[in-house]
């Protein structure tokens, strides 16, 4: 497999991870405001 062909799936996977992370953070922000994240982590024990 050539380098160019192997690069394309890697870029798609990286884009998918970035989009999924952004969507996850958006959902978390809607459920719990960012100002309360630190307190929630302390309560959860992380």
N, C-alpha and C. Protein backbone atom coordinates (compact mmCIF):
# COMPACT_ATOMS: atom_id res chain seq x y z
N UNK A 1 0.85 -1.17 0.00
CA UNK A 1 0.00 0.00 0.00
C UNK A 1 0.90 1.24 0.00
N UNK A 2 0.58 2.16 -0.86
CA UNK A 2 1.42 3.36 -0.94
C UNK A 2 1.18 4.26 0.26
N UNK A 3 2.13 5.14 0.47
CA UNK A 3 2.05 6.05 1.62
C UNK A 3 0.82 6.95 1.53
N UNK A 4 0.52 7.40 0.32
CA UNK A 4 -0.61 8.30 0.13
C UNK A 4 -1.93 7.61 0.45
N UNK A 5 -2.06 6.36 0.03
CA UNK A 5 -3.29 5.61 0.30
C UNK A 5 -3.42 5.33 1.79
N UNK A 6 -2.32 5.04 2.47
CA UNK A 6 -2.36 4.75 3.90
C UNK A 6 -2.63 6.01 4.71
N UNK A 7 -2.27 7.16 4.18
CA UNK A 7 -2.47 8.42 4.90
C UNK A 7 -3.95 8.79 4.96
N UNK A 8 -4.71 8.48 3.92
CA UNK A 8 -6.12 8.86 3.86
C UNK A 8 -6.95 8.25 5.00
N UNK A 9 -6.88 6.94 5.24
CA UNK A 9 -7.65 6.39 6.37
C UNK A 9 -7.21 6.95 7.72
N UNK A 10 -5.92 7.23 7.86
CA UNK A 10 -5.43 7.79 9.12
C UNK A 10 -6.01 9.18 9.34
N UNK A 11 -6.08 9.98 8.28
CA UNK A 11 -6.67 11.31 8.40
C UNK A 11 -8.16 11.24 8.70
N UNK A 12 -8.85 10.31 8.07
CA UNK A 12 -10.28 10.14 8.35
C UNK A 12 -10.51 9.72 9.80
N UNK A 13 -9.69 8.81 10.29
CA UNK A 13 -9.82 8.37 11.67
C UNK A 13 -9.55 9.51 12.64
N UNK A 14 -8.52 10.31 12.36
CA UNK A 14 -8.21 11.45 13.21
C UNK A 14 -9.37 12.45 13.21
N UNK A 15 -9.95 12.70 12.04
CA UNK A 15 -11.08 13.61 11.95
C UNK A 15 -12.27 13.08 12.74
N UNK A 16 -12.51 11.78 12.66
CA UNK A 16 -13.61 11.17 13.40
C UNK A 16 -13.41 11.32 14.91
N UNK A 17 -12.20 11.12 15.38
CA UNK A 17 -11.90 11.26 16.81
C UNK A 17 -12.11 12.70 17.25
N UNK A 18 -11.68 13.66 16.45
CA UNK A 18 -11.84 15.07 16.80
C UNK A 18 -13.31 15.45 16.86
N UNK A 19 -14.08 15.03 15.87
CA UNK A 19 -15.51 15.35 15.83
C UNK A 19 -16.24 14.68 17.00
N UNK A 20 -15.91 13.43 17.29
CA UNK A 20 -16.56 12.72 18.40
C UNK A 20 -16.23 13.38 19.73
N UNK A 21 -14.99 13.80 19.91
CA UNK A 21 -14.60 14.47 21.15
C UNK A 21 -15.33 15.80 21.30
N UNK A 22 -15.42 16.56 20.22
CA UNK A 22 -16.13 17.84 20.27
C UNK A 22 -17.61 17.62 20.59
N UNK A 23 -18.23 16.62 19.99
CA UNK A 23 -19.63 16.33 20.26
C UNK A 23 -19.83 15.90 21.71
N UNK A 24 -18.92 15.10 22.22
CA UNK A 24 -19.00 14.64 23.60
C UNK A 24 -18.88 15.81 24.57
N UNK A 25 -17.93 16.69 24.32
CA UNK A 25 -17.76 17.86 25.20
C UNK A 25 -18.97 18.77 25.13
N UNK A 26 -19.58 18.88 23.95
CA UNK A 26 -20.79 19.70 23.80
C UNK A 26 -21.93 19.11 24.62
N UNK A 27 -22.10 17.80 24.55
CA UNK A 27 -23.15 17.14 25.33
C UNK A 27 -22.90 17.29 26.83
N UNK A 28 -21.65 17.14 27.25
CA UNK A 28 -21.33 17.30 28.67
C UNK A 28 -21.61 18.73 29.14
N UNK A 29 -21.30 19.69 28.30
CA UNK A 29 -21.52 21.09 28.67
C UNK A 29 -23.00 21.40 28.80
N UNK A 30 -23.83 20.73 28.01
CA UNK A 30 -25.27 20.95 28.12
C UNK A 30 -25.82 20.31 29.38
N UNK A 31 -25.28 19.15 29.75
CA UNK A 31 -25.76 18.45 30.94
C UNK A 31 -25.25 19.09 32.22
N UNK A 32 -24.02 19.60 32.18
CA UNK A 32 -23.40 20.19 33.36
C UNK A 32 -22.51 21.34 32.91
N UNK A 33 -22.80 22.55 33.37
CA UNK A 33 -21.98 23.70 32.96
C UNK A 33 -20.51 23.49 33.31
N UNK A 34 -19.64 24.01 32.46
CA UNK A 34 -18.20 23.83 32.66
C UNK A 34 -17.73 24.34 34.01
N UNK A 35 -18.38 25.35 34.55
CA UNK A 35 -17.96 25.90 35.84
C UNK A 35 -18.13 24.87 36.96
N UNK A 36 -18.94 23.85 36.75
CA UNK A 36 -19.18 22.84 37.78
C UNK A 36 -18.42 21.54 37.54
N UNK A 37 -17.62 21.46 36.47
CA UNK A 37 -16.89 20.23 36.17
C UNK A 37 -15.91 19.86 37.27
N UNK A 38 -15.18 20.84 37.80
CA UNK A 38 -14.18 20.55 38.83
C UNK A 38 -14.84 19.96 40.07
N UNK A 39 -15.96 20.54 40.46
CA UNK A 39 -16.66 20.05 41.65
C UNK A 39 -17.19 18.63 41.41
N UNK A 40 -17.69 18.36 40.22
CA UNK A 40 -18.21 17.03 39.91
C UNK A 40 -17.08 15.99 39.94
N UNK A 41 -15.90 16.37 39.47
CA UNK A 41 -14.76 15.44 39.51
C UNK A 41 -14.36 15.14 40.95
N UNK A 42 -14.41 16.14 41.82
CA UNK A 42 -14.06 15.92 43.23
C UNK A 42 -15.07 14.98 43.89
N UNK A 43 -16.34 15.18 43.60
CA UNK A 43 -17.38 14.34 44.19
C UNK A 43 -17.25 12.91 43.69
N UNK A 44 -16.91 12.74 42.41
CA UNK A 44 -16.78 11.40 41.83
C UNK A 44 -15.49 10.71 42.26
N UNK A 45 -14.55 11.46 42.79
CA UNK A 45 -13.30 10.87 43.25
C UNK A 45 -12.22 10.78 42.21
N UNK A 46 -12.31 11.57 41.16
CA UNK A 46 -11.28 11.54 40.10
C UNK A 46 -10.27 12.61 40.35
